[in-house]
Amino acid sequence: MTESRINRIREAVESRSEELVGLLESFVAIPSENPPGSHLRDAQAWIGDRLTDYDIPFESHSTSRTGGDQAGAIDHVVQDQELQNDLSQRGRARAAQFSWQRTAQRTTEIFRTVTDQ
């Protein structure tokens, strides 16, 4: 990457520094615990809202069958062979959508968009 392009990226990030700080401040205001627990849905909702703000597509999944209980959700999957097969197939199909090549291409596109503004 050329020095000129690096400088354009830096300038683009610096020009949006207040926006980036605001995003970080609002995210870290969500209480957290490790492992994620009672505020996980708040964090997921916040991330989903920000992705929507930037027109970035995403998928959200919940464990609504178990009322948000993670242990119950795991137990449900362990006991349901049909669900295991479905999740396995969907997981493989989803993983096939990603590759290092596509990630590199998309990252390059984003850098070009940022530096061409």
C-alpha atoms as a PDB file:
ATOM      1  CA  MET A   1       0.000   0.000   0.000  1.00  0.00           C
ATOM      2  CA  THR A   2       1.395   3.376  -0.925  1.00  0.00           C
ATOM      3  CA  GLU A   3       2.125   6.114   1.584  1.00  0.00           C
ATOM      4  CA  SER A   4      -0.461   8.279  -0.175  1.00  0.00           C
ATOM      5  CA  ARG A   5      -3.195   5.688   0.292  1.00  0.00           C
ATOM      6  CA  ILE A   6      -2.227   5.180   3.953  1.00  0.00           C
ATOM      7  CA  ASN A   7      -2.463   8.916   4.534  1.00  0.00           C
ATOM      8  CA  ARG A   8      -5.913   9.052   2.883  1.00  0.00           C
ATOM      9  CA  ILE A   9      -7.114   6.248   5.154  1.00  0.00           C
ATOM     10  CA  ARG A  10      -5.756   8.043   8.212  1.00  0.00           C
ATOM     11  CA  GLU A  11      -7.425  11.284   7.140  1.00  0.00           C
ATOM     12  CA  ALA A  12     -10.739   9.516   6.541  1.00  0.00           C
ATOM     13  CA  VAL A  13     -10.626   7.877   9.990  1.00  0.00           C
ATOM     14  CA  GLU A  14      -9.590  11.141  11.656  1.00  0.00           C
ATOM     15  CA  SER A  15     -12.407  13.026   9.931  1.00  0.00           C
ATOM     16  CA  ARG A  16     -14.894  10.630  11.544  1.00  0.00           C
ATOM     17  CA  SER A  17     -13.175  10.372  14.916  1.00  0.00           C
ATOM     18  CA  GLU A  18     -16.075  11.976  16.821  1.00  0.00           C
ATOM     19  CA  GLU A  19     -18.485   9.485  15.252  1.00  0.00           C
ATOM     20  CA  LEU A  20     -16.192   6.570  16.127  1.00  0.00           C
ATOM     21  CA  VAL A  21     -15.793   7.786  19.716  1.00  0.00           C
ATOM     22  CA  GLY A  22     -19.576   8.147  20.003  1.00  0.00           C
ATOM     23  CA  LEU A  23     -20.081   4.607  18.754  1.00  0.00           C
ATOM     24  CA  LEU A  24     -17.572   3.252  21.241  1.00  0.00           C
ATOM     25  CA  GLU A  25     -19.036   5.251  24.135  1.00  0.00           C
ATOM     26  CA  SER A  26     -22.563   4.027  23.452  1.00  0.00           C
ATOM     27  CA  PHE A  27     -21.401   0.414  23.120  1.00  0.00           C
ATOM     28  CA  VAL A  28     -19.342   0.297  26.301  1.00  0.00           C
ATOM     29  CA  ALA A  29     -22.294   1.806  28.197  1.00  0.00           C
ATOM     30  CA  ILE A  30     -24.030  -1.586  27.860  1.00  0.00           C
ATOM     31  CA  PRO A  31     -23.288  -3.546  31.038  1.00  0.00           C
ATOM     32  CA  SER A  32     -21.203  -6.637  30.361  1.00  0.00           C
ATOM     33  CA  GLU A  33     -20.240  -9.814  32.105  1.00  0.00           C
ATOM     34  CA  ASN A  34     -18.037 -12.703  31.137  1.00  0.00           C
ATOM     35  CA  PRO A  35     -19.311 -15.053  29.887  1.00  0.00           C
ATOM     36  CA  PRO A  36     -22.039 -12.985  28.220  1.00  0.00           C
ATOM     37  CA  GLY A  37     -25.307 -13.231  30.037  1.00  0.00           C
ATOM     38  CA  SER A  38     -28.106 -10.942  30.997  1.00  0.00           C
ATOM     39  CA  HIS A  39     -27.124  -8.045  28.714  1.00  0.00           C
ATOM     40  CA  LEU A  40     -26.195 -10.104  25.662  1.00  0.00           C
ATOM     41  CA  ARG A  41     -29.424  -9.215  23.870  1.00  0.00           C
ATOM     42  CA  ASP A  42     -28.813  -5.500  24.522  1.00  0.00           C
ATOM     43  CA  ALA A  43     -25.379  -5.781  22.913  1.00  0.00           C
ATOM     44  CA  GLN A  44     -26.773  -7.777  19.983  1.00  0.00           C
ATOM     45  CA  ALA A  45     -29.527  -5.206  19.445  1.00  0.00           C
ATOM     46  CA  TRP A  46     -27.035  -2.336  19.570  1.00  0.00           C
ATOM     47  CA  ILE A  47     -24.760  -3.999  17.007  1.00  0.00           C
ATOM     48  CA  GLY A  48     -27.740  -4.780  14.767  1.00  0.00           C
ATOM     49  CA  ASP A  49     -28.933  -1.166  14.938  1.00  0.00           C
ATOM     50  CA  ARG A  50     -25.479   0.175  14.014  1.00  0.00           C
ATOM     51  CA  LEU A  51     -25.159  -2.273  11.107  1.00  0.00           C
ATOM     52  CA  THR A  52     -28.588  -1.155   9.896  1.00  0.00           C
ATOM     53  CA  ASP A  53     -27.518   2.495  10.221  1.00  0.00           C
ATOM     54  CA  TYR A  54     -24.661   1.745   7.824  1.00  0.00           C
ATOM     55  CA  ASP A  55     -26.748  -0.425   5.469  1.00  0.00           C
ATOM     56  CA  ILE A  56     -24.676  -3.507   6.314  1.00  0.00           C
ATOM     57  CA  PRO A  57     -26.659  -6.751   6.026  1.00  0.00           C
ATOM     58  CA  PHE A  58     -26.607  -9.126   8.979  1.00  0.00           C
ATOM     59  CA  GLU A  59     -28.443 -12.072  10.489  1.00  0.00           C
ATOM     60  CA  SER A  60     -29.585 -12.254  14.089  1.00  0.00           C
ATOM     61  CA  HIS A  61     -30.370 -15.506  15.856  1.00  0.00           C
ATOM     62  CA  SER A  62     -31.871 -16.037  19.279  1.00  0.00           C
ATOM     63  CA  THR A  63     -32.727 -18.919  21.527  1.00  0.00           C
ATOM     64  CA  SER A  64     -36.371 -17.896  21.799  1.00  0.00           C
ATOM     65  CA  ARG A  65     -37.494 -21.536  22.180  1.00  0.00           C
ATOM     66  CA  THR A  66     -35.797 -21.597  25.541  1.00  0.00           C
ATOM     67  CA  GLY A  67     -36.581 -18.036  26.602  1.00  0.00           C
ATOM     68  CA  GLY A  68     -32.973 -16.894  26.200  1.00  0.00           C
ATOM     69  CA  ASP A  69     -31.599 -19.583  28.521  1.00  0.00           C
ATOM     70  CA  GLN A  70     -28.255 -20.600  26.997  1.00  0.00           C
ATOM     71  CA  ALA A  71     -27.982 -23.890  28.897  1.00  0.00           C
ATOM     72  CA  GLY A  72     -31.530 -24.762  27.870  1.00  0.00           C
ATOM     73  CA  ALA A  73     -30.727 -23.952  24.257  1.00  0.00           C
ATOM     74  CA  ILE A  74     -27.675 -26.223  24.296  1.00  0.00           C
ATOM     75  CA  ASP A  75     -29.674 -28.985  25.936  1.00  0.00           C
ATOM     76  CA  HIS A  76     -32.378 -28.582  23.296  1.00  0.00           C
ATOM     77  CA  VAL A  77     -29.830 -29.013  20.488  1.00  0.00           C
ATOM     78  CA  VAL A  78     -28.175 -31.985  22.198  1.00  0.00           C
ATOM     79  CA  GLN A  79     -31.507 -33.786  22.466  1.00  0.00           C
ATOM     80  CA  ASP A  80     -32.830 -33.032  18.957  1.00  0.00           C
ATOM     81  CA  GLN A  81     -30.982 -34.939  16.201  1.00  0.00           C
ATOM     82  CA  GLU A  82     -33.055 -33.305  13.438  1.00  0.00           C
ATOM     83  CA  LEU A  83     -32.160 -29.848  14.760  1.00  0.00           C
ATOM     84  CA  GLN A  84     -28.487 -30.861  14.971  1.00  0.00           C
ATOM     85  CA  ASN A  85     -28.532 -31.927  11.321  1.00  0.00           C
ATOM     86  CA  ASP A  86     -30.307 -28.735  10.258  1.00  0.00           C
ATOM     87  CA  LEU A  87     -27.895 -26.497  12.158  1.00  0.00           C
ATOM     88  CA  SER A  88     -24.935 -28.435  10.799  1.00  0.00           C
ATOM     89  CA  GLN A  89     -26.101 -28.082   7.191  1.00  0.00           C
ATOM     90  CA  ARG A  90     -26.920 -24.400   7.613  1.00  0.00           C
ATOM     91  CA  GLY A  91     -23.586 -23.786   9.338  1.00  0.00           C
ATOM     92  CA  ARG A  92     -21.648 -25.389   6.486  1.00  0.00           C
ATOM     93  CA  ALA A  93     -23.647 -23.426   3.901  1.00  0.00           C
ATOM     94  CA  ARG A  94     -23.007 -20.193   5.802  1.00  0.00           C
ATOM     95  CA  ALA A  95     -19.289 -20.940   6.185  1.00  0.00           C
ATOM     96  CA  ALA A  96     -19.036 -21.594   2.434  1.00  0.00           C
ATOM     97  CA  GLN A  97     -20.032 -17.967   1.865  1.00  0.00           C
ATOM     98  CA  PHE A  98     -16.747 -16.822   3.398  1.00  0.00           C
ATOM     99  CA  SER A  99     -13.184 -17.086   2.185  1.00  0.00           C
ATOM    100  CA  TRP A 100      -9.943 -15.243   2.760  1.00  0.00           C
ATOM    101  CA  GLN A 101     -10.045 -14.168  -0.895  1.00  0.00           C
ATOM    102  CA  ARG A 102     -13.514 -12.598  -0.537  1.00  0.00           C
ATOM    103  CA  THR A 103     -12.510 -10.994   2.749  1.00  0.00           C
ATOM    104  CA  ALA A 104      -9.435  -9.451   1.151  1.00  0.00           C
ATOM    105  CA  GLN A 105     -11.460  -8.223  -1.817  1.00  0.00           C
ATOM    106  CA  ARG A 106     -14.149  -6.685   0.410  1.00  0.00           C
ATOM    107  CA  THR A 107     -11.536  -5.050   2.656  1.00  0.00           C
ATOM    108  CA  THR A 108      -9.843  -3.570  -0.413  1.00  0.00           C
ATOM    109  CA  GLU A 109     -13.204  -2.252  -1.655  1.00  0.00           C
ATOM    110  CA  ILE A 110     -13.854  -0.585   1.693  1.00  0.00           C
ATOM    111  CA  PHE A 111     -10.402   1.015   1.740  1.00  0.00           C
ATOM    112  CA  ARG A 112     -10.926   2.282  -1.790  1.00  0.00           C
ATOM    113  CA  THR A 113     -14.333   3.711  -0.881  1.00  0.00           C
ATOM    114  CA  VAL A 114     -12.907   5.448   2.187  1.00  0.00           C
ATOM    115  CA  THR A 115      -9.903   6.858   0.362  1.00  0.00           C
ATOM    116  CA  ASP A 116     -11.868   8.027  -2.670  1.00  0.00           C
ATOM    117  CA  GLN A 117     -14.174  10.268  -0.605  1.00  0.00           C
END
